[in-house]
Amino acid sequence: MSLKAQITEDMKTAMRAHEKAQLGVIRLILAAIKQQEVDTRIEMDDTAVLVVLDKMTKQRRESIRQYSDAGRTDLVAQEEYELGVIQTYLPQPLSAAELDNLIQQAMAETGATSVRDMGKVMTWLKPKAQGRTDMGQVSGLIKARLGG
């Protein structure tokens, strides 16, 4: 079953169980997926859905940080709940050792030796790490290894 189909099934389950909070988050996810499909005019596969979920995760984390700084604990709680629901659809996060191993493998296979080769490394890594780690953090790790 595709990730999109799983999310749709979970929406139906949440509707039957009258879980309004979870249903609201799932509808947000499906709306974001549908918007992306309309914008790109393609049916999204699991990889594309993971990109959307990853973006939603980043947005929630940023909102949590901003609401915490402003002392809005009510909004922090809502964003944390939404983040929790979104994360149930993401694959298991990479451990630090797994991420380190992937970066080493990417650099070896692409022959990266300087910061100019960073694009090659990111292109190789993205399909393997998308949704499993913060790609911004990965970019910083690669840059540090390549002497940037």
C-alpha atoms as a PDB file:
ATOM      1  CA  MET A   1       0.000   0.000   0.000  1.00  0.00           C
ATOM      2  CA  SER A   2       1.367   3.403  -0.928  1.00  0.00           C
ATOM      3  CA  LEU A   3       1.950   6.046   1.699  1.00  0.00           C
ATOM      4  CA  LYS A   4      -0.784   8.254   0.245  1.00  0.00           C
ATOM      5  CA  ALA A   5      -3.268   5.352   0.357  1.00  0.00           C
ATOM      6  CA  GLN A   6      -2.262   4.642   3.973  1.00  0.00           C
ATOM      7  CA  ILE A   7      -2.900   8.270   4.943  1.00  0.00           C
ATOM      8  CA  THR A   8      -6.306   8.141   3.217  1.00  0.00           C
ATOM      9  CA  GLU A   9      -7.202   4.934   5.076  1.00  0.00           C
ATOM     10  CA  ASP A  10      -6.127   6.518   8.362  1.00  0.00           C
ATOM     11  CA  MET A  11      -8.393   9.474   7.593  1.00  0.00           C
ATOM     12  CA  LYS A  12     -11.355   7.118   7.185  1.00  0.00           C
ATOM     13  CA  THR A  13     -10.461   5.352  10.430  1.00  0.00           C
ATOM     14  CA  ALA A  14     -10.199   8.671  12.294  1.00  0.00           C
ATOM     15  CA  MET A  15     -13.583   9.726  10.872  1.00  0.00           C
ATOM     16  CA  ARG A  16     -15.233   6.484  12.062  1.00  0.00           C
ATOM     17  CA  ALA A  17     -13.623   6.803  15.505  1.00  0.00           C
ATOM     18  CA  HIS A  18     -14.625  10.500  15.784  1.00  0.00           C
ATOM     19  CA  GLU A  19     -11.020  11.528  16.487  1.00  0.00           C
ATOM     20  CA  LYS A  20     -11.392  15.146  15.457  1.00  0.00           C
ATOM     21  CA  ALA A  21      -7.866  16.320  16.305  1.00  0.00           C
ATOM     22  CA  GLN A  22      -6.168  13.509  14.394  1.00  0.00           C
ATOM     23  CA  LEU A  23      -8.619  13.855  11.521  1.00  0.00           C
ATOM     24  CA  GLY A  24      -7.789  17.551  11.219  1.00  0.00           C
ATOM     25  CA  VAL A  25      -4.056  16.867  10.930  1.00  0.00           C
ATOM     26  CA  ILE A  26      -4.564  14.058   8.411  1.00  0.00           C
ATOM     27  CA  ARG A  27      -6.726  16.351   6.307  1.00  0.00           C
ATOM     28  CA  LEU A  28      -3.951  18.970   6.413  1.00  0.00           C
ATOM     29  CA  ILE A  29      -1.502  16.340   5.150  1.00  0.00           C
ATOM     30  CA  LEU A  30      -3.819  15.231   2.343  1.00  0.00           C
ATOM     31  CA  ALA A  31      -4.513  18.856   1.375  1.00  0.00           C
ATOM     32  CA  ALA A  32      -0.763  19.538   1.115  1.00  0.00           C
ATOM     33  CA  ILE A  33      -0.309  16.418  -1.028  1.00  0.00           C
ATOM     34  CA  LYS A  34      -3.252  17.352  -3.255  1.00  0.00           C
ATOM     35  CA  GLN A  35      -1.956  20.919  -3.637  1.00  0.00           C
ATOM     36  CA  GLN A  36       1.434  19.595  -4.740  1.00  0.00           C
ATOM     37  CA  GLU A  37      -0.249  17.245  -7.218  1.00  0.00           C
ATOM     38  CA  VAL A  38      -2.282  20.098  -8.680  1.00  0.00           C
ATOM     39  CA  ASP A  39       0.791  22.338  -8.893  1.00  0.00           C
ATOM     40  CA  THR A  40       2.979  19.719 -10.567  1.00  0.00           C
ATOM     41  CA  ARG A  41       0.176  17.917 -12.453  1.00  0.00           C
ATOM     42  CA  ILE A  42       1.520  14.500 -11.519  1.00  0.00           C
ATOM     43  CA  GLU A  43       0.351  11.694  -9.251  1.00  0.00           C
ATOM     44  CA  MET A  44       2.690  11.669  -6.260  1.00  0.00           C
ATOM     45  CA  ASP A  45       4.669   8.556  -5.368  1.00  0.00           C
ATOM     46  CA  ASP A  46       5.946   7.728  -1.874  1.00  0.00           C
ATOM     47  CA  THR A  47       9.170   9.695  -2.364  1.00  0.00           C
ATOM     48  CA  ALA A  48       7.277  12.855  -3.304  1.00  0.00           C
ATOM     49  CA  VAL A  49       4.873  12.380  -0.379  1.00  0.00           C
ATOM     50  CA  LEU A  50       7.877  12.100   1.953  1.00  0.00           C
ATOM     51  CA  VAL A  51       9.164  15.436   0.651  1.00  0.00           C
ATOM     52  CA  VAL A  52       5.802  17.048   1.510  1.00  0.00           C
ATOM     53  CA  LEU A  53       5.779  15.425   4.971  1.00  0.00           C
ATOM     54  CA  ASP A  54       9.367  16.514   5.571  1.00  0.00           C
ATOM     55  CA  LYS A  55       8.453  20.099   4.689  1.00  0.00           C
ATOM     56  CA  MET A  56       5.448  19.982   7.028  1.00  0.00           C
ATOM     57  CA  THR A  57       7.705  18.659   9.806  1.00  0.00           C
ATOM     58  CA  LYS A  58      10.144  21.547   9.336  1.00  0.00           C
ATOM     59  CA  GLN A  59       7.270  24.042   9.427  1.00  0.00           C
ATOM     60  CA  ARG A  60       5.940  22.593  12.685  1.00  0.00           C
ATOM     61  CA  ARG A  61       9.374  22.631  14.326  1.00  0.00           C
ATOM     62  CA  GLU A  62       9.880  26.273  13.354  1.00  0.00           C
ATOM     63  CA  SER A  63       6.412  27.173  14.661  1.00  0.00           C
ATOM     64  CA  ILE A  64       7.112  25.371  17.946  1.00  0.00           C
ATOM     65  CA  ARG A  65      10.331  27.347  18.349  1.00  0.00           C
ATOM     66  CA  GLN A  66       8.623  30.667  17.620  1.00  0.00           C
ATOM     67  CA  TYR A  67       5.624  29.945  19.873  1.00  0.00           C
ATOM     68  CA  SER A  68       7.953  28.845  22.693  1.00  0.00           C
ATOM     69  CA  ASP A  69       9.896  32.100  22.393  1.00  0.00           C
ATOM     70  CA  ALA A  70       6.617  34.006  22.577  1.00  0.00           C
ATOM     71  CA  GLY A  71       5.388  32.005  25.588  1.00  0.00           C
ATOM     72  CA  ARG A  72       2.344  30.582  23.770  1.00  0.00           C
ATOM     73  CA  THR A  73       2.222  27.117  25.353  1.00  0.00           C
ATOM     74  CA  ASP A  74      -1.286  26.471  23.990  1.00  0.00           C
ATOM     75  CA  LEU A  75      -0.060  26.853  20.408  1.00  0.00           C
ATOM     76  CA  VAL A  76       3.110  24.880  21.159  1.00  0.00           C
ATOM     77  CA  ALA A  77       0.969  21.953  22.331  1.00  0.00           C
ATOM     78  CA  GLN A  78      -1.116  22.044  19.131  1.00  0.00           C
ATOM     79  CA  GLU A  79       1.952  22.171  16.892  1.00  0.00           C
ATOM     80  CA  GLU A  80       3.613  19.339  18.836  1.00  0.00           C
ATOM     81  CA  TYR A  81       0.489  17.207  18.413  1.00  0.00           C
ATOM     82  CA  GLU A  82       0.446  17.894  14.657  1.00  0.00           C
ATOM     83  CA  LEU A  83       4.172  17.103  14.449  1.00  0.00           C
ATOM     84  CA  GLY A  84       3.570  13.794  16.223  1.00  0.00           C
ATOM     85  CA  VAL A  85       0.849  12.765  13.769  1.00  0.00           C
ATOM     86  CA  ILE A  86       2.943  13.780  10.737  1.00  0.00           C
ATOM     87  CA  GLN A  87       5.960  11.870  12.050  1.00  0.00           C
ATOM     88  CA  THR A  88       3.956   8.624  12.209  1.00  0.00           C
ATOM     89  CA  TYR A  89       4.104   8.574   8.396  1.00  0.00           C
ATOM     90  CA  LEU A  90       7.833   9.232   8.158  1.00  0.00           C
ATOM     91  CA  PRO A  91      10.299   6.335   8.093  1.00  0.00           C
ATOM     92  CA  GLN A  92      12.474   5.544  11.104  1.00  0.00           C
ATOM     93  CA  PRO A  93      14.993   8.397  11.610  1.00  0.00           C
ATOM     94  CA  LEU A  94      18.622   7.704  10.797  1.00  0.00           C
ATOM     95  CA  SER A  95      20.963   7.289  13.746  1.00  0.00           C
ATOM     96  CA  ALA A  96      24.125   9.409  13.844  1.00  0.00           C
ATOM     97  CA  ALA A  97      26.203   6.362  12.892  1.00  0.00           C
ATOM     98  CA  GLU A  98      23.908   5.472   9.956  1.00  0.00           C
ATOM     99  CA  LEU A  99      24.001   9.075   8.725  1.00  0.00           C
ATOM    100  CA  ASP A 100      27.781   9.190   9.039  1.00  0.00           C
ATOM    101  CA  ASN A 101      28.060   5.920   7.109  1.00  0.00           C
ATOM    102  CA  LEU A 102      25.730   7.203   4.344  1.00  0.00           C
ATOM    103  CA  ILE A 103      27.741  10.422   3.967  1.00  0.00           C
ATOM    104  CA  GLN A 104      31.004   8.452   3.704  1.00  0.00           C
ATOM    105  CA  GLN A 105      29.452   6.155   1.107  1.00  0.00           C
ATOM    106  CA  ALA A 106      28.078   9.103  -0.889  1.00  0.00           C
ATOM    107  CA  MET A 107      31.444  10.868  -0.906  1.00  0.00           C
ATOM    108  CA  ALA A 108      33.231   7.686  -1.992  1.00  0.00           C
ATOM    109  CA  GLU A 109      30.784   6.867  -4.791  1.00  0.00           C
ATOM    110  CA  THR A 110      30.637  10.407  -6.165  1.00  0.00           C
ATOM    111  CA  GLY A 111      34.383  10.998  -5.810  1.00  0.00           C
ATOM    112  CA  ALA A 112      33.753  14.224  -3.880  1.00  0.00           C
ATOM    113  CA  THR A 113      36.910  16.017  -2.801  1.00  0.00           C
ATOM    114  CA  SER A 114      35.894  19.671  -2.381  1.00  0.00           C
ATOM    115  CA  VAL A 115      32.898  21.853  -1.594  1.00  0.00           C
ATOM    116  CA  ARG A 116      32.267  22.164  -5.354  1.00  0.00           C
ATOM    117  CA  ASP A 117      31.244  18.476  -5.331  1.00  0.00           C
ATOM    118  CA  MET A 118      28.608  19.026  -2.648  1.00  0.00           C
ATOM    119  CA  GLY A 119      25.748  18.983  -5.179  1.00  0.00           C
ATOM    120  CA  LYS A 120      26.735  15.511  -6.360  1.00  0.00           C
ATOM    121  CA  VAL A 121      26.837  14.205  -2.807  1.00  0.00           C
ATOM    122  CA  MET A 122      23.461  15.747  -1.904  1.00  0.00           C
ATOM    123  CA  THR A 123      21.887  14.347  -5.089  1.00  0.00           C
ATOM    124  CA  TRP A 124      23.161  10.878  -4.188  1.00  0.00           C
ATOM    125  CA  LEU A 125      22.059  11.161  -0.543  1.00  0.00           C
ATOM    126  CA  LYS A 126      18.656  12.798  -0.877  1.00  0.00           C
ATOM    127  CA  PRO A 127      16.616   9.746  -1.980  1.00  0.00           C
ATOM    128  CA  LYS A 128      18.168   7.647   0.795  1.00  0.00           C
ATOM    129  CA  ALA A 129      17.831  10.159   3.621  1.00  0.00           C
ATOM    130  CA  GLN A 130      14.715  12.213   2.731  1.00  0.00           C
ATOM    131  CA  GLY A 131      12.229  12.160   5.576  1.00  0.00           C
ATOM    132  CA  ARG A 132      14.660  10.297   7.823  1.00  0.00           C
ATOM    133  CA  THR A 133      16.845  13.249   8.838  1.00  0.00           C
ATOM    134  CA  ASP A 134      17.077  17.027   8.538  1.00  0.00           C
ATOM    135  CA  MET A 135      18.632  17.620   5.121  1.00  0.00           C
ATOM    136  CA  GLY A 136      19.896  21.043   6.260  1.00  0.00           C
ATOM    137  CA  GLN A 137      21.904  19.336   8.983  1.00  0.00           C
ATOM    138  CA  VAL A 138      23.204  16.807   6.439  1.00  0.00           C
ATOM    139  CA  SER A 139      24.296  19.664   4.190  1.00  0.00           C
ATOM    140  CA  GLY A 140      26.291  21.187   7.047  1.00  0.00           C
ATOM    141  CA  LEU A 141      27.964  17.848   7.839  1.00  0.00           C
ATOM    142  CA  ILE A 142      28.956  17.343   4.211  1.00  0.00           C
ATOM    143  CA  LYS A 143      30.279  20.885   3.919  1.00  0.00           C
ATOM    144  CA  ALA A 144      32.421  20.373   7.030  1.00  0.00           C
ATOM    145  CA  ARG A 145      33.871  17.154   5.633  1.00  0.00           C
ATOM    146  CA  LEU A 146      34.628  18.710   2.281  1.00  0.00           C
ATOM    147  CA  GLY A 147      36.499  21.548   3.922  1.00  0.00           C
ATOM    148  CA  GLY A 148      33.838  24.229   3.538  1.00  0.00           C
END
